[in-house]
C-alpha cells in the first residue's frame, strides 16, 4: 500500500486498525443498513488480506529503533532540545561545584558528555515508554471497537434468534394443525372402512337376491315352456275332435239324402 518511509510504525498500526474497522463495517453492516463496498478502493485488497489470500505474497515491514535508518518506517521524531551555550555551562559549573570544567574553546569534557549520554538514554527510554503507551492506547481503541462490533453482532444474533423462535412457534402451530387434520383423516378413513364393509354386505345380499331372481326366472321360463307344450297338445286334440264331428255330420247328411231318394221312389211307385 506504499506505507514505507511515509509514516511511523505507530501511525501505520493505527491506519491498519482504521482500515480493518472500515472493512468490517462494509463486510458485515448492521441489519437494515445498506452499504456499497465497491466505493472503497481498498475493499478487495483488504478482503484478500483478511481472508488470508495474501499470505506469503506481501513484504513484511520492519520497524527499528529511532537511531537506525534501515527500517521501513520513519523514525519517531525526538523532542528538540535547547542547545546549552558555553556560558550557561560555565555558570552551571560554578553554581553546582567543580564537577564540570570548560576548556578554552568551549568544548565540554567527558563528565558533561556522560551526562548528555545519560540524558539521551533517559529520553530514549521515555520515548519508548510513550510509544508503548500510544500502541497500548491504539490497541485499547481497537479492542473497544471490536467490542462494539461484537455487541452489534450479538444484537443481530439476538434478533435472528427471536425470528427463529417465532418461526419455530409457527412451525409448532402448523404441526399441531397437521396432527389434528391427520386425526380427522383417520376418523374419516375409519368411517369409510365401516361404510365399505356395510356396502360389501349389501352387495353380497344383492348378489344373493339376484341369484334368487335368476332362479325364479328360470323356473318361470320352465313353467312357461311346459304351459306352451300343454296348450299345443290341447289345440291338437280339439282339432282332431272337430274333424271327427265333421265326418259324422257328413255321414248323417248322406243317409238323410239316401232316405229321401228312397222315399221319393216309393211315392212314385204308388
C-alpha atoms as a PDB file:
ATOM      1  CA  UNK A   1       0.000   0.000   0.000  1.00  0.00           C
ATOM      2  CA  UNK A   2       3.013   2.261  -0.154  1.00  0.00           C
ATOM      3  CA  UNK A   3       3.461   2.909   3.579  1.00  0.00           C
ATOM      4  CA  UNK A   4       7.241   2.570   3.515  1.00  0.00           C
ATOM      5  CA  UNK A   5       9.129   5.646   4.637  1.00  0.00           C
ATOM      6  CA  UNK A   6       5.912   7.717   4.832  1.00  0.00           C
ATOM      7  CA  UNK A   7       4.834   7.271   8.460  1.00  0.00           C
ATOM      8  CA  UNK A   8       5.955   5.810  11.748  1.00  0.00           C
ATOM      9  CA  UNK A   9       5.078   2.269  12.767  1.00  0.00           C
ATOM     10  CA  UNK A  10       2.539   3.582  15.312  1.00  0.00           C
ATOM     11  CA  UNK A  11       0.846   5.628  12.611  1.00  0.00           C
ATOM     12  CA  UNK A  12       0.876   2.594  10.295  1.00  0.00           C
ATOM     13  CA  UNK A  13      -0.631   0.437  13.054  1.00  0.00           C
ATOM     14  CA  UNK A  14      -3.366   2.998  13.653  1.00  0.00           C
ATOM     15  CA  UNK A  15      -4.077   3.228   9.926  1.00  0.00           C
ATOM     16  CA  UNK A  16      -4.276  -0.563   9.702  1.00  0.00           C
ATOM     17  CA  UNK A  17      -6.759  -0.716  12.577  1.00  0.00           C
ATOM     18  CA  UNK A  18      -8.860   2.007  10.965  1.00  0.00           C
ATOM     19  CA  UNK A  19      -8.850   0.104   7.675  1.00  0.00           C
ATOM     20  CA  UNK A  20      -9.849  -3.106   9.451  1.00  0.00           C
ATOM     21  CA  UNK A  21     -12.727  -1.266  11.106  1.00  0.00           C
ATOM     22  CA  UNK A  22     -13.846   0.167   7.763  1.00  0.00           C
ATOM     23  CA  UNK A  23     -13.591  -3.278   6.157  1.00  0.00           C
ATOM     24  CA  UNK A  24     -15.691  -4.919   8.888  1.00  0.00           C
ATOM     25  CA  UNK A  25     -18.318  -2.189   8.618  1.00  0.00           C
ATOM     26  CA  UNK A  26     -18.578  -2.753   4.853  1.00  0.00           C
ATOM     27  CA  UNK A  27     -18.311  -6.550   5.070  1.00  0.00           C
ATOM     28  CA  UNK A  28     -20.896  -7.065   7.816  1.00  0.00           C
ATOM     29  CA  UNK A  29     -23.056  -3.964   8.137  1.00  0.00           C
ATOM     30  CA  UNK A  30     -25.759  -3.778  10.811  1.00  0.00           C
ATOM     31  CA  UNK A  31     -29.193  -5.031   9.905  1.00  0.00           C
ATOM     32  CA  UNK A  32     -31.134  -2.524   7.851  1.00  0.00           C
ATOM     33  CA  UNK A  33     -28.036  -0.562   6.795  1.00  0.00           C
ATOM     34  CA  UNK A  34     -27.207  -0.584   3.082  1.00  0.00           C
ATOM     35  CA  UNK A  35     -23.550  -0.183   2.157  1.00  0.00           C
ATOM     36  CA  UNK A  36     -21.597  -0.071  -1.110  1.00  0.00           C
ATOM     37  CA  UNK A  37     -18.203  -1.813  -0.662  1.00  0.00           C
ATOM     38  CA  UNK A  38     -17.201  -1.131  -4.265  1.00  0.00           C
ATOM     39  CA  UNK A  39     -16.951   2.590  -3.499  1.00  0.00           C
ATOM     40  CA  UNK A  40     -13.921   1.931  -1.249  1.00  0.00           C
ATOM     41  CA  UNK A  41     -10.866   1.261  -3.442  1.00  0.00           C
ATOM     42  CA  UNK A  42      -9.134  -0.894  -0.798  1.00  0.00           C
ATOM     43  CA  UNK A  43     -12.058  -3.255  -0.116  1.00  0.00           C
ATOM     44  CA  UNK A  44     -10.964  -6.078  -2.439  1.00  0.00           C
ATOM     45  CA  UNK A  45      -7.362  -5.814  -1.206  1.00  0.00           C
ATOM     46  CA  UNK A  46      -8.480  -5.861   2.440  1.00  0.00           C
ATOM     47  CA  UNK A  47     -10.786  -8.794   1.713  1.00  0.00           C
ATOM     48  CA  UNK A  48      -7.861 -10.774   0.295  1.00  0.00           C
ATOM     49  CA  UNK A  49      -5.719  -9.819   3.290  1.00  0.00           C
ATOM     50  CA  UNK A  50      -8.365 -10.687   5.912  1.00  0.00           C
ATOM     51  CA  UNK A  51      -9.211 -13.982   4.210  1.00  0.00           C
ATOM     52  CA  UNK A  52      -5.516 -14.974   4.139  1.00  0.00           C
ATOM     53  CA  UNK A  53      -5.161 -14.965   0.370  1.00  0.00           C
ATOM     54  CA  UNK A  54      -2.167 -12.602   0.530  1.00  0.00           C
ATOM     55  CA  UNK A  55      -0.201 -14.721   2.971  1.00  0.00           C
ATOM     56  CA  UNK A  56       3.362 -15.066   1.722  1.00  0.00           C
ATOM     57  CA  UNK A  57       2.837 -12.576  -1.123  1.00  0.00           C
ATOM     58  CA  UNK A  58       3.176  -9.188   0.605  1.00  0.00           C
ATOM     59  CA  UNK A  59       6.509  -7.994   2.048  1.00  0.00           C
ATOM     60  CA  UNK A  60       6.884  -7.780   5.816  1.00  0.00           C
ATOM     61  CA  UNK A  61       7.652  -4.265   7.032  1.00  0.00           C
ATOM     62  CA  UNK A  62      10.083  -3.924   9.924  1.00  0.00           C
ATOM     63  CA  UNK A  63      10.498  -1.128  12.431  1.00  0.00           C
ATOM     64  CA  UNK A  64      13.879  -0.484  14.067  1.00  0.00           C
ATOM     65  CA  UNK A  65      14.949   1.869  16.800  1.00  0.00           C
ATOM     66  CA  UNK A  66      14.912   5.580  16.156  1.00  0.00           C
ATOM     67  CA  UNK A  67      18.717   5.628  15.749  1.00  0.00           C
ATOM     68  CA  UNK A  68      18.584   3.077  12.900  1.00  0.00           C
ATOM     69  CA  UNK A  69      17.578   4.374   9.459  1.00  0.00           C
ATOM     70  CA  UNK A  70      17.332   0.931   7.847  1.00  0.00           C
ATOM     71  CA  UNK A  71      13.680   0.354   8.828  1.00  0.00           C
ATOM     72  CA  UNK A  72      10.633   0.554   6.544  1.00  0.00           C
ATOM     73  CA  UNK A  73       9.028   3.310   8.645  1.00  0.00           C
ATOM     74  CA  UNK A  74      10.046   6.811   9.517  1.00  0.00           C
ATOM     75  CA  UNK A  75      11.867   7.160  12.838  1.00  0.00           C
ATOM     76  CA  UNK A  76       9.878   8.620  15.690  1.00  0.00           C
ATOM     77  CA  UNK A  77      10.832  12.278  15.997  1.00  0.00           C
ATOM     78  CA  UNK A  78      12.505  13.199  19.232  1.00  0.00           C
ATOM     79  CA  UNK A  79      11.652  16.362  21.097  1.00  0.00           C
ATOM     80  CA  UNK A  80      14.008  19.157  20.249  1.00  0.00           C
ATOM     81  CA  UNK A  81      16.390  20.218  22.983  1.00  0.00           C
ATOM     82  CA  UNK A  82      17.717  23.654  23.512  1.00  0.00           C
ATOM     83  CA  UNK A  83      21.429  23.861  22.961  1.00  0.00           C
ATOM     84  CA  UNK A  84      23.416  24.858  26.008  1.00  0.00           C
ATOM     85  CA  UNK A  85      25.984  27.545  25.400  1.00  0.00           C
ATOM     86  CA  UNK A  86      29.416  27.536  26.942  1.00  0.00           C
ATOM     87  CA  UNK A  87      28.497  30.486  29.152  1.00  0.00           C
ATOM     88  CA  UNK A  88      25.491  28.634  30.593  1.00  0.00           C
ATOM     89  CA  UNK A  89      27.636  25.567  31.205  1.00  0.00           C
ATOM     90  CA  UNK A  90      30.225  27.743  32.934  1.00  0.00           C
ATOM     91  CA  UNK A  91      27.579  29.331  35.158  1.00  0.00           C
ATOM     92  CA  UNK A  92      26.097  25.923  35.936  1.00  0.00           C
ATOM     93  CA  UNK A  93      29.506  24.559  36.802  1.00  0.00           C
ATOM     94  CA  UNK A  94      30.162  27.479  39.076  1.00  0.00           C
ATOM     95  CA  UNK A  95      26.827  27.085  40.828  1.00  0.00           C
ATOM     96  CA  UNK A  96      26.981  23.312  41.209  1.00  0.00           C
ATOM     97  CA  UNK A  97      30.619  22.875  42.007  1.00  0.00           C
ATOM     98  CA  UNK A  98      33.813  21.888  40.273  1.00  0.00           C
ATOM     99  CA  UNK A  99      32.477  18.642  38.710  1.00  0.00           C
ATOM    100  CA  UNK A 100      32.282  20.034  35.120  1.00  0.00           C
ATOM    101  CA  UNK A 101      35.094  22.020  33.671  1.00  0.00           C
ATOM    102  CA  UNK A 102      35.046  24.068  30.475  1.00  0.00           C
ATOM    103  CA  UNK A 103      38.025  24.284  28.206  1.00  0.00           C
ATOM    104  CA  UNK A 104      39.213  27.436  26.499  1.00  0.00           C
ATOM    105  CA  UNK A 105      37.465  26.687  23.176  1.00  0.00           C
ATOM    106  CA  UNK A 106      34.102  25.841  24.869  1.00  0.00           C
ATOM    107  CA  UNK A 107      34.176  22.031  24.495  1.00  0.00           C
ATOM    108  CA  UNK A 108      32.651  20.015  27.304  1.00  0.00           C
ATOM    109  CA  UNK A 109      34.823  17.422  28.964  1.00  0.00           C
ATOM    110  CA  UNK A 110      33.968  13.756  29.396  1.00  0.00           C
ATOM    111  CA  UNK A 111      31.836  14.334  32.528  1.00  0.00           C
ATOM    112  CA  UNK A 112      29.455  16.542  30.553  1.00  0.00           C
ATOM    113  CA  UNK A 113      29.451  14.025  27.692  1.00  0.00           C
ATOM    114  CA  UNK A 114      28.456  11.277  30.120  1.00  0.00           C
ATOM    115  CA  UNK A 115      25.668  13.466  31.488  1.00  0.00           C
ATOM    116  CA  UNK A 116      24.413  14.152  27.977  1.00  0.00           C
ATOM    117  CA  UNK A 117      24.533  10.451  27.116  1.00  0.00           C
ATOM    118  CA  UNK A 118      22.568   9.630  30.241  1.00  0.00           C
ATOM    119  CA  UNK A 119      20.062  12.314  29.268  1.00  0.00           C
ATOM    120  CA  UNK A 120      19.766  10.865  25.772  1.00  0.00           C
ATOM    121  CA  UNK A 121      19.284   7.390  27.235  1.00  0.00           C
ATOM    122  CA  UNK A 122      16.581   8.707  29.535  1.00  0.00           C
ATOM    123  CA  UNK A 123      14.922  10.486  26.613  1.00  0.00           C
ATOM    124  CA  UNK A 124      15.062   7.292  24.570  1.00  0.00           C
ATOM    125  CA  UNK A 125      13.521   5.292  27.419  1.00  0.00           C
ATOM    126  CA  UNK A 126      10.814   7.935  27.856  1.00  0.00           C
ATOM    127  CA  UNK A 127      10.156   7.926  24.112  1.00  0.00           C
ATOM    128  CA  UNK A 128       9.918   4.141  24.070  1.00  0.00           C
ATOM    129  CA  UNK A 129       7.517   4.267  27.004  1.00  0.00           C
ATOM    130  CA  UNK A 130       5.490   6.896  25.155  1.00  0.00           C
ATOM    131  CA  UNK A 131       5.479   4.713  22.036  1.00  0.00           C
ATOM    132  CA  UNK A 132       4.333   1.745  24.085  1.00  0.00           C
ATOM    133  CA  UNK A 133       1.633   3.867  25.672  1.00  0.00           C
ATOM    134  CA  UNK A 134       0.473   5.039  22.235  1.00  0.00           C
ATOM    135  CA  UNK A 135       0.452   1.452  20.975  1.00  0.00           C
ATOM    136  CA  UNK A 136      -1.465   0.322  24.047  1.00  0.00           C
ATOM    137  CA  UNK A 137      -3.945   3.145  23.581  1.00  0.00           C
ATOM    138  CA  UNK A 138      -4.333   2.141  19.946  1.00  0.00           C
ATOM    139  CA  UNK A 139      -4.810  -1.484  20.925  1.00  0.00           C
ATOM    140  CA  UNK A 140      -7.307  -0.421  23.570  1.00  0.00           C
ATOM    141  CA  UNK A 141      -9.260   1.575  20.996  1.00  0.00           C
ATOM    142  CA  UNK A 142      -9.136  -1.391  18.634  1.00  0.00           C
ATOM    143  CA  UNK A 143     -10.420  -3.649  21.395  1.00  0.00           C
ATOM    144  CA  UNK A 144     -13.187  -1.197  22.180  1.00  0.00           C
ATOM    145  CA  UNK A 145     -14.167  -1.054  18.509  1.00  0.00           C
ATOM    146  CA  UNK A 146     -14.088  -4.841  18.330  1.00  0.00           C
ATOM    147  CA  UNK A 147     -16.243  -4.973  21.457  1.00  0.00           C
ATOM    148  CA  UNK A 148     -18.687  -2.577  19.805  1.00  0.00           C
ATOM    149  CA  UNK A 149     -18.714  -4.734  16.675  1.00  0.00           C
ATOM    150  CA  UNK A 150     -19.242  -7.844  18.786  1.00  0.00           C
ATOM    151  CA  UNK A 151     -22.055  -6.097  20.642  1.00  0.00           C
ATOM    152  CA  UNK A 152     -23.723  -5.204  17.344  1.00  0.00           C
ATOM    153  CA  UNK A 153     -23.252  -8.762  16.149  1.00  0.00           C
ATOM    154  CA  UNK A 154     -24.713 -10.018  19.433  1.00  0.00           C
ATOM    155  CA  UNK A 155     -27.752  -7.796  18.934  1.00  0.00           C
ATOM    156  CA  UNK A 156     -28.087  -9.068  15.377  1.00  0.00           C
ATOM    157  CA  UNK A 157     -27.843 -12.643  16.636  1.00  0.00           C
ATOM    158  CA  UNK A 158     -30.467 -11.919  19.281  1.00  0.00           C
ATOM    159  CA  UNK A 159     -32.806 -10.530  16.625  1.00  0.00           C
ATOM    160  CA  UNK A 160     -32.158 -13.542  14.420  1.00  0.00           C
ATOM    161  CA  UNK A 161     -32.767 -15.817  17.403  1.00  0.00           C
ATOM    162  CA  UNK A 162     -36.079 -14.073  18.088  1.00  0.00           C
ATOM    163  CA  UNK A 163     -37.027 -14.517  14.429  1.00  0.00           C
ATOM    164  CA  UNK A 164     -36.082 -18.201  14.612  1.00  0.00           C
ATOM    165  CA  UNK A 165     -38.115 -18.647  17.786  1.00  0.00           C
ATOM    166  CA  UNK A 166     -41.131 -17.070  16.093  1.00  0.00           C
ATOM    167  CA  UNK A 167     -40.646 -19.344  13.099  1.00  0.00           C
ATOM    168  CA  UNK A 168     -40.366 -22.349  15.436  1.00  0.00           C
ATOM    169  CA  UNK A 169     -43.615 -21.306  17.117  1.00  0.00           C
ATOM    170  CA  UNK A 170     -45.290 -21.041  13.706  1.00  0.00           C
ATOM    171  CA  UNK A 171     -43.937 -24.479  12.785  1.00  0.00           C
ATOM    172  CA  UNK A 172     -45.253 -25.901  16.065  1.00  0.00           C
ATOM    173  CA  UNK A 173     -48.695 -24.471  15.336  1.00  0.00           C
ATOM    174  CA  UNK A 174     -48.582 -25.881  11.820  1.00  0.00           C
ATOM    175  CA  UNK A 175     -47.501 -29.238  13.213  1.00  0.00           C
ATOM    176  CA  UNK A 176     -50.393 -29.248  15.696  1.00  0.00           C
ATOM    177  CA  UNK A 177     -52.785 -28.342  12.882  1.00  0.00           C
ATOM    178  CA  UNK A 178     -51.388 -31.171  10.770  1.00  0.00           C
ATOM    179  CA  UNK A 179     -51.820 -33.580  13.672  1.00  0.00           C
ATOM    180  CA  UNK A 180     -55.451 -32.535  14.062  1.00  0.00           C
ATOM    181  CA  UNK A 181     -56.031 -32.893  10.331  1.00  0.00           C
ATOM    182  CA  UNK A 182     -54.344 -36.298  10.409  1.00  0.00           C
ATOM    183  CA  UNK A 183     -56.623 -37.401  13.257  1.00  0.00           C
ATOM    184  CA  UNK A 184     -59.649 -36.158  11.294  1.00  0.00           C
ATOM    185  CA  UNK A 185     -58.472 -38.063   8.217  1.00  0.00           C
ATOM    186  CA  UNK A 186     -58.003 -41.197  10.313  1.00  0.00           C
ATOM    187  CA  UNK A 187     -61.546 -40.888  11.683  1.00  0.00           C
ATOM    188  CA  UNK A 188     -62.917 -40.343   8.183  1.00  0.00           C
ATOM    189  CA  UNK A 189     -60.918 -43.327   6.961  1.00  0.00           C
ATOM    190  CA  UNK A 190     -62.373 -45.496   9.734  1.00  0.00           C
ATOM    191  CA  UNK A 191     -65.871 -44.272   8.819  1.00  0.00           C
ATOM    192  CA  UNK A 192     -65.212 -45.075   5.169  1.00  0.00           C
ATOM    193  CA  UNK A 193     -63.985 -48.534   6.136  1.00  0.00           C
ATOM    194  CA  UNK A 194     -67.182 -49.169   8.092  1.00  0.00           C
ATOM    195  CA  UNK A 195     -69.295 -47.880   5.214  1.00  0.00           C
ATOM    196  CA  UNK A 196     -67.295 -50.041   2.834  1.00  0.00           C
ATOM    197  CA  UNK A 197     -67.963 -53.094   5.000  1.00  0.00           C
ATOM    198  CA  UNK A 198     -71.692 -52.248   5.033  1.00  0.00           C
ATOM    199  CA  UNK A 199     -71.634 -51.825   1.253  1.00  0.00           C
ATOM    200  CA  UNK A 200     -69.892 -55.183   0.882  1.00  0.00           C
ATOM    201  CA  UNK A 201     -72.566 -56.859   2.984  1.00  0.00           C
ATOM    202  CA  UNK A 202     -75.303 -55.128   0.994  1.00  0.00           C
ATOM    203  CA  UNK A 203     -73.586 -56.153  -2.237  1.00  0.00           C
ATOM    204  CA  UNK A 204     -73.489 -59.761  -1.041  1.00  0.00           C
ATOM    205  CA  UNK A 205     -77.212 -59.561  -0.221  1.00  0.00           C
ATOM    206  CA  UNK A 206     -77.916 -58.062  -3.646  1.00  0.00           C
ATOM    207  CA  UNK A 207     -75.956 -60.888  -5.271  1.00  0.00           C
ATOM    208  CA  UNK A 208     -77.979 -63.418  -3.318  1.00  0.00           C
ATOM    209  CA  UNK A 209     -81.228 -61.718  -4.322  1.00  0.00           C
ATOM    210  CA  UNK A 210     -80.045 -61.603  -7.929  1.00  0.00           C
ATOM    211  CA  UNK A 211     -79.313 -65.330  -7.836  1.00  0.00           C
ATOM    212  CA  UNK A 212     -82.772 -65.940  -6.366  1.00  0.00           C
ATOM    213  CA  UNK A 213     -84.362 -63.795  -9.091  1.00  0.00           C
ATOM    214  CA  UNK A 214     -82.407 -65.700 -11.740  1.00  0.00           C
ATOM    215  CA  UNK A 215     -83.615 -68.988 -10.294  1.00  0.00           C
ATOM    216  CA  UNK A 216     -87.197 -67.669 -10.230  1.00  0.00           C
ATOM    217  CA  UNK A 217     -86.873 -66.501 -13.840  1.00  0.00           C
ATOM    218  CA  UNK A 218     -85.554 -69.917 -14.859  1.00  0.00           C
ATOM    219  CA  UNK A 219     -88.445 -71.615 -13.081  1.00  0.00           C
ATOM    220  CA  UNK A 220     -90.896 -69.248 -14.789  1.00  0.00           C
ATOM    221  CA  UNK A 221     -89.350 -69.993 -18.169  1.00  0.00           C
ATOM    222  CA  UNK A 222     -89.627 -73.698 -17.479  1.00  0.00           C
ATOM    223  CA  UNK A 223     -93.275 -73.331 -16.428  1.00  0.00           C
ATOM    224  CA  UNK A 224     -93.962 -71.186 -19.481  1.00  0.00           C
ATOM    225  CA  UNK A 225     -92.453 -73.820 -21.759  1.00  0.00           C
ATOM    226  CA  UNK A 226     -94.496 -76.509 -20.025  1.00  0.00           C
ATOM    227  CA  UNK A 227     -97.662 -74.445 -20.454  1.00  0.00           C
ATOM    228  CA  UNK A 228     -96.828 -73.945 -24.108  1.00  0.00           C
ATOM    229  CA  UNK A 229     -96.457 -77.695 -24.568  1.00  0.00           C
ATOM    230  CA  UNK A 230     -99.740 -78.326 -22.747  1.00  0.00           C
ATOM    231  CA  UNK A 231    -101.564 -75.692 -24.816  1.00  0.00           C
ATOM    232  CA  UNK A 232    -100.130 -77.153 -28.011  1.00  0.00           C
ATOM    233  CA  UNK A 233    -101.376 -80.641 -27.032  1.00  0.00           C
ATOM    234  CA  UNK A 234    -104.833 -79.266 -26.202  1.00  0.00           C
ATOM    235  CA  UNK A 235    -105.117 -77.483 -29.534  1.00  0.00           C
ATOM    236  CA  UNK A 236    -104.196 -80.638 -31.457  1.00  0.00           C
ATOM    237  CA  UNK A 237    -106.840 -82.618 -29.529  1.00  0.00           C
ATOM    238  CA  UNK A 238    -109.505 -80.038 -30.303  1.00  0.00           C
ATOM    239  CA  UNK A 239    -108.620 -80.126 -33.996  1.00  0.00           C
ATOM    240  CA  UNK A 240    -108.989 -83.933 -34.081  1.00  0.00           C
ATOM    241  CA  UNK A 241    -112.380 -83.687 -32.353  1.00  0.00           C
ATOM    242  CA  UNK A 242    -113.573 -81.101 -34.854  1.00  0.00           C
ATOM    243  CA  UNK A 243    -112.505 -83.313 -37.742  1.00  0.00           C
ATOM    244  CA  UNK A 244    -114.411 -86.288 -36.284  1.00  0.00           C
ATOM    245  CA  UNK A 245    -117.525 -84.211 -35.800  1.00  0.00           C
ATOM    246  CA  UNK A 246    -117.362 -83.045 -39.397  1.00  0.00           C
ATOM    247  CA  UNK A 247    -117.066 -86.648 -40.649  1.00  0.00           C
ATOM    248  CA  UNK A 248    -120.052 -87.712 -38.555  1.00  0.00           C
ATOM    249  CA  UNK A 249    -122.154 -84.832 -39.844  1.00  0.00           C
ATOM    250  CA  UNK A 250    -121.316 -85.709 -43.466  1.00  0.00           C
ATOM    251  CA  UNK A 251    -122.361 -89.367 -42.909  1.00  0.00           C
ATOM    252  CA  UNK A 252    -125.674 -88.294 -41.399  1.00  0.00           C
ATOM    253  CA  UNK A 253    -126.344 -85.994 -44.313  1.00  0.00           C
ATOM    254  CA  UNK A 254    -125.661 -88.787 -46.787  1.00  0.00           C
ATOM    255  CA  UNK A 255    -128.050 -91.119 -45.015  1.00  0.00           C
ATOM    256  CA  UNK A 256    -130.751 -88.489 -44.995  1.00  0.00           C
ATOM    257  CA  UNK A 257    -130.289 -87.867 -48.677  1.00  0.00           C
ATOM    258  CA  UNK A 258    -130.467 -91.593 -49.471  1.00  0.00           C
ATOM    259  CA  UNK A 259    -133.584 -91.904 -47.306  1.00  0.00           C
ATOM    260  CA  UNK A 260    -135.248 -89.047 -49.157  1.00  0.00           C
ATOM    261  CA  UNK A 261    -134.355 -90.550 -52.507  1.00  0.00           C
ATOM    262  CA  UNK A 262    -135.807 -93.906 -51.473  1.00  0.00           C
ATOM    263  CA  UNK A 263    -138.949 -92.195 -50.116  1.00  0.00           C
ATOM    264  CA  UNK A 264    -139.453 -90.382 -53.431  1.00  0.00           C
ATOM    265  CA  UNK A 265    -139.080 -93.585 -55.382  1.00  0.00           C
ATOM    266  CA  UNK A 266    -141.612 -95.273 -53.133  1.00  0.00           C
ATOM    267  CA  UNK A 267    -144.120 -92.488 -53.665  1.00  0.00           C
ATOM    268  CA  UNK A 268    -143.690 -92.700 -57.389  1.00  0.00           C
ATOM    269  CA  UNK A 269    -144.302 -96.411 -57.376  1.00  0.00           C
ATOM    270  CA  UNK A 270    -147.583 -95.968 -55.588  1.00  0.00           C
END
